């Protein structure tokens, strides 16, 4: 089991968020490896295939290193 975090930003609306994932690597009976991603105990699609923003339901989505969204300044900060 591996834990990874990703940061995301929507290039359409500017919404940013971060999510931590628990990744379980397994091998099936045929020898094929797979990785299952979980957040808050629920199985979810790989964040590498994420294409829709939870805020505007559009995209495209950019994946960043964790901590980048929290460090970003919001638009009003630039005005004053």
C-alpha atoms as a PDB file:
ATOM      1  CA  UNK A   1       0.000   0.000   0.000  1.00  0.00           C
ATOM      2  CA  UNK A   2       1.280   3.434  -0.969  1.00  0.00           C
ATOM      3  CA  UNK A   3       0.004   6.915  -0.081  1.00  0.00           C
ATOM      4  CA  UNK A   4       0.308   9.720  -2.632  1.00  0.00           C
ATOM      5  CA  UNK A   5      -1.063  13.237  -2.803  1.00  0.00           C
ATOM      6  CA  UNK A   6      -1.850  15.282  -5.889  1.00  0.00           C
ATOM      7  CA  UNK A   7      -2.833  18.889  -6.450  1.00  0.00           C
ATOM      8  CA  UNK A   8      -5.174  19.851  -9.283  1.00  0.00           C
ATOM      9  CA  UNK A   9      -6.154  23.085 -10.970  1.00  0.00           C
ATOM     10  CA  UNK A  10      -8.899  23.607 -13.533  1.00  0.00           C
ATOM     11  CA  UNK A  11      -7.632  25.594 -16.494  1.00  0.00           C
ATOM     12  CA  UNK A  12     -11.213  26.610 -17.303  1.00  0.00           C
ATOM     13  CA  UNK A  13     -12.447  28.139 -14.016  1.00  0.00           C
ATOM     14  CA  UNK A  14      -9.258  28.293 -11.923  1.00  0.00           C
ATOM     15  CA  UNK A  15     -10.584  26.066  -9.115  1.00  0.00           C
ATOM     16  CA  UNK A  16      -7.759  24.331  -7.244  1.00  0.00           C
ATOM     17  CA  UNK A  17      -7.857  21.383  -4.875  1.00  0.00           C
ATOM     18  CA  UNK A  18      -5.692  18.670  -3.376  1.00  0.00           C
ATOM     19  CA  UNK A  19      -6.450  15.041  -2.654  1.00  0.00           C
ATOM     20  CA  UNK A  20      -4.622  12.214  -0.928  1.00  0.00           C
ATOM     21  CA  UNK A  21      -4.886   8.686  -2.303  1.00  0.00           C
ATOM     22  CA  UNK A  22      -4.224   5.261  -0.883  1.00  0.00           C
ATOM     23  CA  UNK A  23      -2.923   3.094  -3.715  1.00  0.00           C
ATOM     24  CA  UNK A  24      -3.180  -0.666  -3.477  1.00  0.00           C
ATOM     25  CA  UNK A  25      -1.024  -2.603  -5.951  1.00  0.00           C
ATOM     26  CA  UNK A  26      -2.138  -6.149  -6.718  1.00  0.00           C
ATOM     27  CA  UNK A  27      -1.443  -8.910  -9.230  1.00  0.00           C
ATOM     28  CA  UNK A  28      -4.308 -10.986 -10.570  1.00  0.00           C
ATOM     29  CA  UNK A  29      -4.195 -14.731 -11.221  1.00  0.00           C
ATOM     30  CA  UNK A  30      -3.062 -14.136 -14.822  1.00  0.00           C
ATOM     31  CA  UNK A  31      -0.070 -12.108 -13.589  1.00  0.00           C
ATOM     32  CA  UNK A  32      -1.410  -8.696 -14.617  1.00  0.00           C
ATOM     33  CA  UNK A  33      -0.525  -5.886 -12.203  1.00  0.00           C
ATOM     34  CA  UNK A  34      -3.071  -3.255 -11.291  1.00  0.00           C
ATOM     35  CA  UNK A  35      -3.316  -0.252  -9.033  1.00  0.00           C
ATOM     36  CA  UNK A  36      -6.546   0.666  -7.255  1.00  0.00           C
ATOM     37  CA  UNK A  37      -6.959   4.180  -5.852  1.00  0.00           C
ATOM     38  CA  UNK A  38      -8.944   4.997  -2.706  1.00  0.00           C
ATOM     39  CA  UNK A  39      -9.897   8.274  -1.035  1.00  0.00           C
ATOM     40  CA  UNK A  40     -11.831   8.424   2.225  1.00  0.00           C
ATOM     41  CA  UNK A  41     -12.200   4.631   2.041  1.00  0.00           C
ATOM     42  CA  UNK A  42     -13.912   4.674  -1.381  1.00  0.00           C
ATOM     43  CA  UNK A  43     -12.432   3.266  -4.580  1.00  0.00           C
ATOM     44  CA  UNK A  44     -12.034   6.031  -7.166  1.00  0.00           C
ATOM     45  CA  UNK A  45     -10.599   6.291 -10.690  1.00  0.00           C
ATOM     46  CA  UNK A  46      -6.907   7.042 -11.035  1.00  0.00           C
ATOM     47  CA  UNK A  47      -6.239  10.761 -10.587  1.00  0.00           C
ATOM     48  CA  UNK A  48      -4.085  10.549 -13.704  1.00  0.00           C
ATOM     49  CA  UNK A  49      -7.275  10.058 -15.744  1.00  0.00           C
ATOM     50  CA  UNK A  50      -9.179  12.942 -14.118  1.00  0.00           C
ATOM     51  CA  UNK A  51     -10.720  15.182 -16.758  1.00  0.00           C
ATOM     52  CA  UNK A  52     -13.573  17.107 -15.108  1.00  0.00           C
ATOM     53  CA  UNK A  53     -13.412  19.832 -12.481  1.00  0.00           C
ATOM     54  CA  UNK A  54     -15.683  19.239  -9.457  1.00  0.00           C
ATOM     55  CA  UNK A  55     -16.533  22.961  -9.459  1.00  0.00           C
ATOM     56  CA  UNK A  56     -17.486  23.647 -13.095  1.00  0.00           C
ATOM     57  CA  UNK A  57     -17.671  20.082 -14.512  1.00  0.00           C
ATOM     58  CA  UNK A  58     -15.350  21.129 -17.305  1.00  0.00           C
ATOM     59  CA  UNK A  59     -11.630  21.218 -17.799  1.00  0.00           C
ATOM     60  CA  UNK A  60      -8.924  20.702 -18.807  1.00  0.00           C
ATOM     61  CA  UNK A  61      -7.326  19.753 -15.505  1.00  0.00           C
ATOM     62  CA  UNK A  62      -3.647  20.218 -14.698  1.00  0.00           C
ATOM     63  CA  UNK A  63      -2.013  17.937 -12.128  1.00  0.00           C
ATOM     64  CA  UNK A  64       0.592  19.563  -9.876  1.00  0.00           C
ATOM     65  CA  UNK A  65       2.890  18.466  -7.077  1.00  0.00           C
ATOM     66  CA  UNK A  66       1.155  18.416  -3.682  1.00  0.00           C
ATOM     67  CA  UNK A  67       1.270  21.701  -1.794  1.00  0.00           C
ATOM     68  CA  UNK A  68       1.128  23.848  -4.935  1.00  0.00           C
ATOM     69  CA  UNK A  69      -2.534  24.779  -4.601  1.00  0.00           C
ATOM     70  CA  UNK A  70      -2.166  25.914  -0.979  1.00  0.00           C
ATOM     71  CA  UNK A  71       0.855  28.019  -1.914  1.00  0.00           C
ATOM     72  CA  UNK A  72      -0.891  29.752  -4.821  1.00  0.00           C
ATOM     73  CA  UNK A  73      -2.210  33.256  -4.383  1.00  0.00           C
ATOM     74  CA  UNK A  74      -5.807  34.005  -5.346  1.00  0.00           C
ATOM     75  CA  UNK A  75      -6.754  36.681  -7.853  1.00  0.00           C
ATOM     76  CA  UNK A  76      -7.767  39.404  -5.326  1.00  0.00           C
ATOM     77  CA  UNK A  77      -4.318  39.113  -3.678  1.00  0.00           C
ATOM     78  CA  UNK A  78      -2.743  40.419  -6.860  1.00  0.00           C
ATOM     79  CA  UNK A  79      -4.869  43.572  -6.854  1.00  0.00           C
ATOM     80  CA  UNK A  80      -3.838  45.014  -3.624  1.00  0.00           C
END
